Amino acid sequence: MPVRDLTTTAVRAWFSGLADEHPTRNGHAYGILSMICNTAVKDVLLERNPCQIVGASNPTPKKVVKIPATPKLHGIADKLSADERTARFRALVLLAGWCGLRFGEVSELRRGDFDADCSVVTISRGVTHRLAEDGSRCWIGTSKNGEQRTVTIPPHIRDDVESHLSRHVGKSADALLSTPAMGGCHLNDRVFNKDVFKKAAAAVARGDLSAHDLRRFAGSKNAQVATLTENMARLGHKTVGAALRYQHSQDGRDAVVAANLSANALAELAAAESADA
């Protein structure tokens, strides 16, 4: 349908015809159409935006996933490391959970993104897979917000990261943190989630979790020990201004946040161990 012919009635009919089992996908599609129509209004192709369905871009999720407790997250990592076929994913889970990396970011991490003592990781790229005009599917670009960020790795998982780099990653600075066992350029998030992560999560009675919930874990844990600005900086969200970003990068607070994350984690793990004894 030509953009200039779009009407509120047509948009409502299209949206109501979308499958109910994919509310998030539907919301994303509606949001893209609304942005297109906003541009059309600016270009005088439309008098007003015909996307007038309240809340369509932000559907209520079908389920609310409870953030895993620290012992559950480490239980998943332990389950992975107990099997030689999945041991190489332990560090990925811990980094995504404690540093708040998106899957596209953590699957594109390379040896050169870590400093010498594995205390800091630099996130400057992310990978997505989509079919392009030239037939390619792998697209490596900047991180989602287009900005590079450095995140201090909590001390309690640095040995895991260092061990992983030593055992599972090539010596080249370009060597990927995690390589797919069956070939291909990067880990596939759907395959990893279905065949690896959810099985380990089910083993610790958290089969409701997915690998994408690791970032939610990071946000909740950061909120316990960090300011809003510090949490946004660690997760790579847009901050309130360049001045605050500069202050965050210079005042050493991220190292304090990372240390506090480790202190809380070790206390939670010790309490869980005592309860099981």
C-alpha atoms as a PDB file:
ATOM      1  CA  MET A   1       0.000   0.000   0.000  1.00  0.00           C
ATOM      2  CA  PRO A   2       1.423   3.440  -0.856  1.00  0.00           C
ATOM      3  CA  VAL A   3       2.307   5.360   2.286  1.00  0.00           C
ATOM      4  CA  ARG A   4       0.095   8.293   1.284  1.00  0.00           C
ATOM      5  CA  ASP A   5      -2.924   5.927   1.253  1.00  0.00           C
ATOM      6  CA  LEU A   6      -2.461   4.683   4.828  1.00  0.00           C
ATOM      7  CA  THR A   7      -5.390   5.436   7.125  1.00  0.00           C
ATOM      8  CA  THR A   8      -6.101   4.797  10.791  1.00  0.00           C
ATOM      9  CA  THR A   9      -8.678   2.187   9.761  1.00  0.00           C
ATOM     10  CA  ALA A  10      -6.158   0.386   7.536  1.00  0.00           C
ATOM     11  CA  VAL A  11      -3.537   0.350  10.287  1.00  0.00           C
ATOM     12  CA  ARG A  12      -6.030  -1.000  12.834  1.00  0.00           C
ATOM     13  CA  ALA A  13      -7.122  -3.736  10.429  1.00  0.00           C
ATOM     14  CA  TRP A  14      -3.524  -4.738   9.727  1.00  0.00           C
ATOM     15  CA  PHE A  15      -2.545  -4.777  13.403  1.00  0.00           C
ATOM     16  CA  SER A  16      -5.608  -6.753  14.517  1.00  0.00           C
ATOM     17  CA  GLY A  17      -4.745  -9.380  11.904  1.00  0.00           C
ATOM     18  CA  LEU A  18      -1.314 -10.128  13.366  1.00  0.00           C
ATOM     19  CA  ALA A  19      -0.855 -13.403  15.238  1.00  0.00           C
ATOM     20  CA  ASP A  20      -1.527 -13.035  18.983  1.00  0.00           C
ATOM     21  CA  GLU A  21       1.273 -15.401  20.011  1.00  0.00           C
ATOM     22  CA  HIS A  22       3.995 -12.875  19.106  1.00  0.00           C
ATOM     23  CA  PRO A  23       3.099  -9.658  20.993  1.00  0.00           C
ATOM     24  CA  THR A  24       6.665  -8.361  21.222  1.00  0.00           C
ATOM     25  CA  ARG A  25       7.300  -8.873  17.512  1.00  0.00           C
ATOM     26  CA  ASN A  26       3.974  -7.201  16.727  1.00  0.00           C
ATOM     27  CA  GLY A  27       4.890  -4.248  18.918  1.00  0.00           C
ATOM     28  CA  HIS A  28       8.221  -3.841  17.134  1.00  0.00           C
ATOM     29  CA  ALA A  29       6.506  -3.968  13.735  1.00  0.00           C
ATOM     30  CA  TYR A  30       3.945  -1.371  14.824  1.00  0.00           C
ATOM     31  CA  GLY A  31       6.706   0.876  16.152  1.00  0.00           C
ATOM     32  CA  ILE A  32       8.583   0.729  12.837  1.00  0.00           C
ATOM     33  CA  LEU A  33       5.412   1.581  10.901  1.00  0.00           C
ATOM     34  CA  SER A  34       4.764   4.506  13.233  1.00  0.00           C
ATOM     35  CA  MET A  35       8.281   5.860  12.651  1.00  0.00           C
ATOM     36  CA  ILE A  36       7.794   5.544   8.880  1.00  0.00           C
ATOM     37  CA  CYS A  37       4.540   7.470   9.138  1.00  0.00           C
ATOM     38  CA  ASN A  38       6.141  10.183  11.274  1.00  0.00           C
ATOM     39  CA  THR A  39       8.683  10.682   8.498  1.00  0.00           C
ATOM     40  CA  ALA A  40       5.877  10.734   5.945  1.00  0.00           C
ATOM     41  CA  VAL A  41       4.163  13.506   7.906  1.00  0.00           C
ATOM     42  CA  LYS A  42       7.390  15.541   7.900  1.00  0.00           C
ATOM     43  CA  ASP A  43       7.683  14.973   4.149  1.00  0.00           C
ATOM     44  CA  VAL A  44       4.053  16.080   3.684  1.00  0.00           C
ATOM     45  CA  LEU A  45       2.983  12.696   2.338  1.00  0.00           C
ATOM     46  CA  LEU A  46       0.491  12.339   5.184  1.00  0.00           C
ATOM     47  CA  GLU A  47      -1.408  14.971   7.145  1.00  0.00           C
ATOM     48  CA  ARG A  48      -1.191  12.997  10.392  1.00  0.00           C
ATOM     49  CA  ASN A  49       0.239   9.722  11.649  1.00  0.00           C
ATOM     50  CA  PRO A  50      -2.427   7.016  11.186  1.00  0.00           C
ATOM     51  CA  CYS A  51      -0.845   4.856  13.934  1.00  0.00           C
ATOM     52  CA  GLN A  52      -3.152   5.777  16.806  1.00  0.00           C
ATOM     53  CA  ILE A  53      -3.486   2.492  18.742  1.00  0.00           C
ATOM     54  CA  VAL A  54      -2.615   3.265  22.355  1.00  0.00           C
ATOM     55  CA  GLY A  55       0.072   0.958  23.772  1.00  0.00           C
ATOM     56  CA  ALA A  56       0.595  -1.015  20.572  1.00  0.00           C
ATOM     57  CA  SER A  57       4.358  -0.386  20.564  1.00  0.00           C
ATOM     58  CA  ASN A  58       4.721  -1.542  24.180  1.00  0.00           C
ATOM     59  CA  PRO A  59       2.709  -4.738  24.620  1.00  0.00           C
ATOM     60  CA  THR A  60       2.381  -6.373  28.015  1.00  0.00           C
ATOM     61  CA  PRO A  61       4.734  -9.380  28.120  1.00  0.00           C
ATOM     62  CA  LYS A  62       3.075 -12.771  28.231  1.00  0.00           C
ATOM     63  CA  LYS A  63       5.152 -13.828  31.181  1.00  0.00           C
ATOM     64  CA  VAL A  64       7.195 -12.092  33.832  1.00  0.00           C
ATOM     65  CA  VAL A  65      10.500 -13.858  34.409  1.00  0.00           C
ATOM     66  CA  LYS A  66      11.813 -13.679  37.939  1.00  0.00           C
ATOM     67  CA  ILE A  67      15.422 -12.523  38.099  1.00  0.00           C
ATOM     68  CA  PRO A  68      17.614 -15.490  39.136  1.00  0.00           C
ATOM     69  CA  ALA A  69      19.357 -15.399  42.487  1.00  0.00           C
ATOM     70  CA  THR A  70      23.146 -15.281  42.389  1.00  0.00           C
ATOM     71  CA  PRO A  71      23.550 -18.962  43.385  1.00  0.00           C
ATOM     72  CA  LYS A  72      21.251 -19.955  40.507  1.00  0.00           C
ATOM     73  CA  LEU A  73      23.299 -17.995  37.988  1.00  0.00           C
ATOM     74  CA  HIS A  74      26.519 -19.574  39.230  1.00  0.00           C
ATOM     75  CA  GLY A  75      24.777 -22.928  39.329  1.00  0.00           C
ATOM     76  CA  ILE A  76      24.074 -22.588  35.614  1.00  0.00           C
ATOM     77  CA  ALA A  77      27.736 -21.707  35.014  1.00  0.00           C
ATOM     78  CA  ASP A  78      28.841 -24.696  37.115  1.00  0.00           C
ATOM     79  CA  LYS A  79      26.520 -27.002  35.189  1.00  0.00           C
ATOM     80  CA  LEU A  80      28.022 -25.818  31.911  1.00  0.00           C
ATOM     81  CA  SER A  81      31.602 -26.264  33.108  1.00  0.00           C
ATOM     82  CA  ALA A  82      30.876 -29.793  34.384  1.00  0.00           C
ATOM     83  CA  ASP A  83      30.412 -31.009  30.793  1.00  0.00           C
ATOM     84  CA  GLU A  84      33.419 -30.770  28.483  1.00  0.00           C
ATOM     85  CA  ARG A  85      31.072 -30.087  25.568  1.00  0.00           C
ATOM     86  CA  THR A  86      29.739 -26.913  27.179  1.00  0.00           C
ATOM     87  CA  ALA A  87      32.562 -25.867  29.518  1.00  0.00           C
ATOM     88  CA  ARG A  88      33.663 -23.168  27.088  1.00  0.00           C
ATOM     89  CA  PHE A  89      30.389 -21.290  27.688  1.00  0.00           C
ATOM     90  CA  ARG A  90      30.928 -20.730  31.415  1.00  0.00           C
ATOM     91  CA  ALA A  91      32.747 -17.431  30.930  1.00  0.00           C
ATOM     92  CA  LEU A  92      30.167 -16.210  28.412  1.00  0.00           C
ATOM     93  CA  VAL A  93      27.348 -16.697  30.922  1.00  0.00           C
ATOM     94  CA  LEU A  94      29.262 -15.037  33.758  1.00  0.00           C
ATOM     95  CA  LEU A  95      30.304 -12.076  31.616  1.00  0.00           C
ATOM     96  CA  ALA A  96      26.802 -11.543  30.257  1.00  0.00           C
ATOM     97  CA  GLY A  97      25.331 -11.866  33.748  1.00  0.00           C
ATOM     98  CA  TRP A  98      27.756  -9.688  35.672  1.00  0.00           C
ATOM     99  CA  CYS A  99      28.740  -7.161  32.991  1.00  0.00           C
ATOM    100  CA  GLY A 100      25.349  -6.796  31.321  1.00  0.00           C
ATOM    101  CA  LEU A 101      26.372  -7.567  27.749  1.00  0.00           C
ATOM    102  CA  ARG A 102      23.795  -8.065  25.031  1.00  0.00           C
ATOM    103  CA  PHE A 103      24.077 -11.422  23.262  1.00  0.00           C
ATOM    104  CA  GLY A 104      25.253  -9.740  20.071  1.00  0.00           C
ATOM    105  CA  GLU A 105      27.990  -8.023  22.082  1.00  0.00           C
ATOM    106  CA  VAL A 106      29.210 -11.007  24.087  1.00  0.00           C
ATOM    107  CA  SER A 107      29.238 -13.284  21.021  1.00  0.00           C
ATOM    108  CA  GLU A 108      31.436 -10.766  19.166  1.00  0.00           C
ATOM    109  CA  LEU A 109      33.959 -10.342  22.017  1.00  0.00           C
ATOM    110  CA  ARG A 110      37.558 -11.139  21.102  1.00  0.00           C
ATOM    111  CA  ARG A 111      40.780 -11.640  23.040  1.00  0.00           C
ATOM    112  CA  GLY A 112      41.882  -8.096  22.258  1.00  0.00           C
ATOM    113  CA  ASP A 113      38.829  -6.666  24.019  1.00  0.00           C
ATOM    114  CA  PHE A 114      40.214  -7.708  27.434  1.00  0.00           C
ATOM    115  CA  ASP A 115      43.058  -6.002  29.238  1.00  0.00           C
ATOM    116  CA  ALA A 116      46.085  -7.980  30.432  1.00  0.00           C
ATOM    117  CA  ASP A 117      44.724  -8.942  33.859  1.00  0.00           C
ATOM    118  CA  CYS A 118      41.102  -9.454  32.749  1.00  0.00           C
ATOM    119  CA  SER A 119      39.885  -6.627  34.945  1.00  0.00           C
ATOM    120  CA  VAL A 120      38.305  -4.587  32.154  1.00  0.00           C
ATOM    121  CA  VAL A 121      36.453  -5.483  28.973  1.00  0.00           C
ATOM    122  CA  THR A 122      35.838  -3.034  26.142  1.00  0.00           C
ATOM    123  CA  ILE A 123      32.570  -3.340  24.248  1.00  0.00           C
ATOM    124  CA  SER A 124      32.718  -1.602  20.898  1.00  0.00           C
ATOM    125  CA  ARG A 125      30.989  -4.025  18.528  1.00  0.00           C
ATOM    126  CA  GLY A 126      27.945  -6.189  18.200  1.00  0.00           C
ATOM    127  CA  VAL A 127      26.940  -8.801  15.647  1.00  0.00           C
ATOM    128  CA  THR A 128      23.576  -9.371  14.032  1.00  0.00           C
ATOM    129  CA  HIS A 129      22.580 -11.846  11.362  1.00  0.00           C
ATOM    130  CA  ARG A 130      20.281 -10.823   8.548  1.00  0.00           C
ATOM    131  CA  LEU A 131      20.083 -11.454   4.838  1.00  0.00           C
ATOM    132  CA  ALA A 132      21.597  -8.545   2.907  1.00  0.00           C
ATOM    133  CA  GLU A 133      21.312  -7.690  -0.784  1.00  0.00           C
ATOM    134  CA  ASP A 134      24.712  -9.251  -1.479  1.00  0.00           C
ATOM    135  CA  GLY A 135      23.633 -12.522   0.137  1.00  0.00           C
ATOM    136  CA  SER A 136      25.651 -12.065   3.334  1.00  0.00           C
ATOM    137  CA  ARG A 137      24.071 -12.759   6.683  1.00  0.00           C
ATOM    138  CA  CYS A 138      26.662 -11.656   9.247  1.00  0.00           C
ATOM    139  CA  TRP A 139      26.848  -7.965  10.018  1.00  0.00           C
ATOM    140  CA  ILE A 140      29.330  -6.626  12.567  1.00  0.00           C
ATOM    141  CA  GLY A 141      28.765  -3.042  13.598  1.00  0.00           C
ATOM    142  CA  THR A 142      29.059  -0.828  16.615  1.00  0.00           C
ATOM    143  CA  SER A 143      27.304  -1.699  19.855  1.00  0.00           C
ATOM    144  CA  LYS A 144      23.569  -1.017  19.904  1.00  0.00           C
ATOM    145  CA  ASN A 145      23.823   2.602  21.037  1.00  0.00           C
ATOM    146  CA  GLY A 146      26.736   3.274  18.690  1.00  0.00           C
ATOM    147  CA  GLU A 147      29.175   4.017  21.488  1.00  0.00           C
ATOM    148  CA  GLN A 148      32.160   2.182  22.905  1.00  0.00           C
ATOM    149  CA  ARG A 149      32.101   1.457  26.617  1.00  0.00           C
ATOM    150  CA  THR A 150      34.538  -0.092  29.063  1.00  0.00           C
ATOM    151  CA  VAL A 151      33.196  -2.216  31.887  1.00  0.00           C
ATOM    152  CA  THR A 152      35.140  -3.279  34.949  1.00  0.00           C
ATOM    153  CA  ILE A 153      34.787  -7.033  35.415  1.00  0.00           C
ATOM    154  CA  PRO A 154      33.789  -7.947  38.976  1.00  0.00           C
ATOM    155  CA  PRO A 155      36.809  -9.502  40.736  1.00  0.00           C
ATOM    156  CA  HIS A 156      35.035 -12.758  41.623  1.00  0.00           C
ATOM    157  CA  ILE A 157      34.761 -13.837  37.958  1.00  0.00           C
ATOM    158  CA  ARG A 158      38.137 -12.624  36.653  1.00  0.00           C
ATOM    159  CA  ASP A 159      39.804 -16.003  37.206  1.00  0.00           C
ATOM    160  CA  ASP A 160      37.047 -17.626  35.144  1.00  0.00           C
ATOM    161  CA  VAL A 161      37.626 -15.181  32.298  1.00  0.00           C
ATOM    162  CA  GLU A 162      41.402 -15.592  32.452  1.00  0.00           C
ATOM    163  CA  SER A 163      41.106 -19.391  32.505  1.00  0.00           C
ATOM    164  CA  HIS A 164      38.732 -19.288  29.545  1.00  0.00           C
ATOM    165  CA  LEU A 165      41.092 -17.136  27.486  1.00  0.00           C
ATOM    166  CA  SER A 166      43.934 -19.518  28.280  1.00  0.00           C
ATOM    167  CA  ARG A 167      42.036 -22.736  27.481  1.00  0.00           C
ATOM    168  CA  HIS A 168      39.509 -21.875  24.800  1.00  0.00           C
ATOM    169  CA  VAL A 169      40.630 -18.776  22.880  1.00  0.00           C
ATOM    170  CA  GLY A 170      43.298 -18.455  20.209  1.00  0.00           C
ATOM    171  CA  LYS A 171      46.366 -16.314  20.752  1.00  0.00           C
ATOM    172  CA  SER A 172      45.439 -13.734  18.130  1.00  0.00           C
ATOM    173  CA  ALA A 173      43.874 -10.513  19.364  1.00  0.00           C
ATOM    174  CA  ASP A 174      41.064 -11.167  16.862  1.00  0.00           C
ATOM    175  CA  ALA A 175      40.288 -14.651  18.236  1.00  0.00           C
ATOM    176  CA  LEU A 176      36.627 -14.904  19.297  1.00  0.00           C
ATOM    177  CA  LEU A 177      35.742 -15.490  22.934  1.00  0.00           C
ATOM    178  CA  SER A 178      33.329 -18.229  21.819  1.00  0.00           C
ATOM    179  CA  THR A 179      33.273 -20.086  18.534  1.00  0.00           C
ATOM    180  CA  PRO A 180      30.370 -22.224  17.273  1.00  0.00           C
ATOM    181  CA  ALA A 181      31.061 -25.948  17.431  1.00  0.00           C
ATOM    182  CA  MET A 182      29.293 -26.678  14.151  1.00  0.00           C
ATOM    183  CA  GLY A 183      31.031 -23.945  12.183  1.00  0.00           C
ATOM    184  CA  GLY A 184      29.782 -20.553  11.150  1.00  0.00           C
ATOM    185  CA  CYS A 185      30.907 -17.065  12.025  1.00  0.00           C
ATOM    186  CA  HIS A 186      29.399 -16.608  15.516  1.00  0.00           C
ATOM    187  CA  LEU A 187      27.248 -18.341  18.081  1.00  0.00           C
ATOM    188  CA  ASN A 188      23.604 -18.414  17.071  1.00  0.00           C
ATOM    189  CA  ASP A 189      21.555 -17.033  19.951  1.00  0.00           C
ATOM    190  CA  ARG A 190      18.562 -19.283  19.294  1.00  0.00           C
ATOM    191  CA  VAL A 191      20.657 -22.439  19.029  1.00  0.00           C
ATOM    192  CA  PHE A 192      22.730 -21.515  22.086  1.00  0.00           C
ATOM    193  CA  ASN A 193      19.641 -20.723  24.119  1.00  0.00           C
ATOM    194  CA  LYS A 194      17.765 -23.909  23.157  1.00  0.00           C
ATOM    195  CA  ASP A 195      20.584 -26.449  23.103  1.00  0.00           C
ATOM    196  CA  VAL A 196      22.900 -25.107  25.795  1.00  0.00           C
ATOM    197  CA  PHE A 197      21.612 -22.442  28.148  1.00  0.00           C
ATOM    198  CA  LYS A 198      18.059 -23.609  28.830  1.00  0.00           C
ATOM    199  CA  LYS A 199      19.228 -27.159  29.549  1.00  0.00           C
ATOM    200  CA  ALA A 200      21.696 -25.904  32.140  1.00  0.00           C
ATOM    201  CA  ALA A 201      19.074 -23.567  33.590  1.00  0.00           C
ATOM    202  CA  ALA A 202      16.560 -26.398  33.864  1.00  0.00           C
ATOM    203  CA  ALA A 203      19.134 -28.407  35.809  1.00  0.00           C
ATOM    204  CA  VAL A 204      19.011 -25.764  38.580  1.00  0.00           C
ATOM    205  CA  ALA A 205      15.209 -25.509  38.434  1.00  0.00           C
ATOM    206  CA  ARG A 206      15.162 -22.320  36.371  1.00  0.00           C
ATOM    207  CA  GLY A 207      14.016 -23.639  33.039  1.00  0.00           C
ATOM    208  CA  ASP A 208      11.972 -20.461  32.573  1.00  0.00           C
ATOM    209  CA  LEU A 209      15.144 -18.464  31.971  1.00  0.00           C
ATOM    210  CA  SER A 210      16.704 -17.650  28.621  1.00  0.00           C
ATOM    211  CA  ALA A 211      20.156 -16.350  27.800  1.00  0.00           C
ATOM    212  CA  HIS A 212      18.655 -12.900  27.216  1.00  0.00           C
ATOM    213  CA  ASP A 213      17.618 -12.757  30.889  1.00  0.00           C
ATOM    214  CA  LEU A 214      21.286 -12.489  31.871  1.00  0.00           C
ATOM    215  CA  ARG A 215      21.235  -8.805  31.010  1.00  0.00           C
ATOM    216  CA  ARG A 216      18.208  -8.297  33.253  1.00  0.00           C
ATOM    217  CA  PHE A 217      20.150 -10.011  36.040  1.00  0.00           C
ATOM    218  CA  ALA A 218      22.991  -7.516  35.512  1.00  0.00           C
ATOM    219  CA  GLY A 219      20.661  -4.536  35.677  1.00  0.00           C
ATOM    220  CA  SER A 220      19.060  -5.712  38.911  1.00  0.00           C
ATOM    221  CA  LYS A 221      22.394  -6.426  40.579  1.00  0.00           C
ATOM    222  CA  ASN A 222      23.882  -3.124  39.456  1.00  0.00           C
ATOM    223  CA  ALA A 223      20.903  -1.307  40.948  1.00  0.00           C
ATOM    224  CA  GLN A 224      21.796  -2.683  44.397  1.00  0.00           C
ATOM    225  CA  VAL A 225      25.251  -1.090  44.469  1.00  0.00           C
ATOM    226  CA  ALA A 226      25.361   1.611  41.778  1.00  0.00           C
ATOM    227  CA  THR A 227      23.703   4.902  40.967  1.00  0.00           C
ATOM    228  CA  LEU A 228      21.304   5.125  38.038  1.00  0.00           C
ATOM    229  CA  THR A 229      23.943   6.797  35.892  1.00  0.00           C
ATOM    230  CA  GLU A 230      26.521   4.102  36.721  1.00  0.00           C
ATOM    231  CA  ASN A 231      24.036   1.353  35.943  1.00  0.00           C
ATOM    232  CA  MET A 232      23.183   2.946  32.597  1.00  0.00           C
ATOM    233  CA  ALA A 233      26.873   3.264  31.770  1.00  0.00           C
ATOM    234  CA  ARG A 234      27.618  -0.398  32.533  1.00  0.00           C
ATOM    235  CA  LEU A 235      24.659  -1.567  30.457  1.00  0.00           C
ATOM    236  CA  GLY A 236      25.402   0.771  27.568  1.00  0.00           C
ATOM    237  CA  HIS A 237      22.193   2.766  27.839  1.00  0.00           C
ATOM    238  CA  LYS A 238      22.099   6.425  26.841  1.00  0.00           C
ATOM    239  CA  THR A 239      23.068   8.617  29.791  1.00  0.00           C
ATOM    240  CA  VAL A 240      21.661  12.054  30.557  1.00  0.00           C
ATOM    241  CA  GLY A 241      24.547  13.947  29.017  1.00  0.00           C
ATOM    242  CA  ALA A 242      28.150  13.947  27.870  1.00  0.00           C
ATOM    243  CA  ALA A 243      29.328  15.500  31.121  1.00  0.00           C
ATOM    244  CA  LEU A 244      27.983  12.625  33.199  1.00  0.00           C
ATOM    245  CA  ARG A 245      29.544  10.099  30.828  1.00  0.00           C
ATOM    246  CA  TYR A 246      32.875  11.823  31.233  1.00  0.00           C
ATOM    247  CA  GLN A 247      32.566  11.915  35.003  1.00  0.00           C
ATOM    248  CA  HIS A 248      31.749   8.206  35.074  1.00  0.00           C
ATOM    249  CA  SER A 249      34.749   7.305  32.963  1.00  0.00           C
ATOM    250  CA  GLN A 250      37.184   9.316  35.037  1.00  0.00           C
ATOM    251  CA  ASP A 251      36.235   9.023  38.689  1.00  0.00           C
ATOM    252  CA  GLY A 252      36.979   5.319  39.200  1.00  0.00           C
ATOM    253  CA  ARG A 253      33.459   4.559  40.338  1.00  0.00           C
ATOM    254  CA  ASP A 254      33.043   1.609  37.961  1.00  0.00           C
ATOM    255  CA  ALA A 255      35.818  -0.237  39.792  1.00  0.00           C
ATOM    256  CA  VAL A 256      33.968   0.416  43.068  1.00  0.00           C
ATOM    257  CA  VAL A 257      30.727  -0.854  41.544  1.00  0.00           C
ATOM    258  CA  ALA A 258      32.463  -4.007  40.302  1.00  0.00           C
ATOM    259  CA  ALA A 259      34.034  -4.631  43.718  1.00  0.00           C
ATOM    260  CA  ASN A 260      30.664  -4.202  45.413  1.00  0.00           C
ATOM    261  CA  LEU A 261      29.074  -6.617  42.953  1.00  0.00           C
ATOM    262  CA  SER A 262      31.666  -9.220  43.903  1.00  0.00           C
ATOM    263  CA  ALA A 263      31.240  -8.592  47.638  1.00  0.00           C
ATOM    264  CA  ASN A 264      27.485  -9.102  47.369  1.00  0.00           C
ATOM    265  CA  ALA A 265      27.885 -12.136  45.124  1.00  0.00           C
ATOM    266  CA  LEU A 266      30.348 -13.874  47.438  1.00  0.00           C
ATOM    267  CA  ALA A 267      28.082 -13.206  50.417  1.00  0.00           C
ATOM    268  CA  GLU A 268      25.073 -14.670  48.585  1.00  0.00           C
ATOM    269  CA  LEU A 269      27.048 -17.711  47.432  1.00  0.00           C
ATOM    270  CA  ALA A 270      28.394 -18.314  50.948  1.00  0.00           C
ATOM    271  CA  ALA A 271      24.898 -18.063  52.416  1.00  0.00           C
ATOM    272  CA  ALA A 272      23.557 -20.521  49.863  1.00  0.00           C
ATOM    273  CA  GLU A 273      26.397 -22.942  50.579  1.00  0.00           C
ATOM    274  CA  SER A 274      25.745 -22.737  54.326  1.00  0.00           C
ATOM    275  CA  ALA A 275      22.041 -23.388  53.775  1.00  0.00           C
ATOM    276  CA  ASP A 276      22.829 -26.498  51.726  1.00  0.00           C
ATOM    277  CA  ALA A 277      25.323 -27.833  54.284  1.00  0.00           C
END
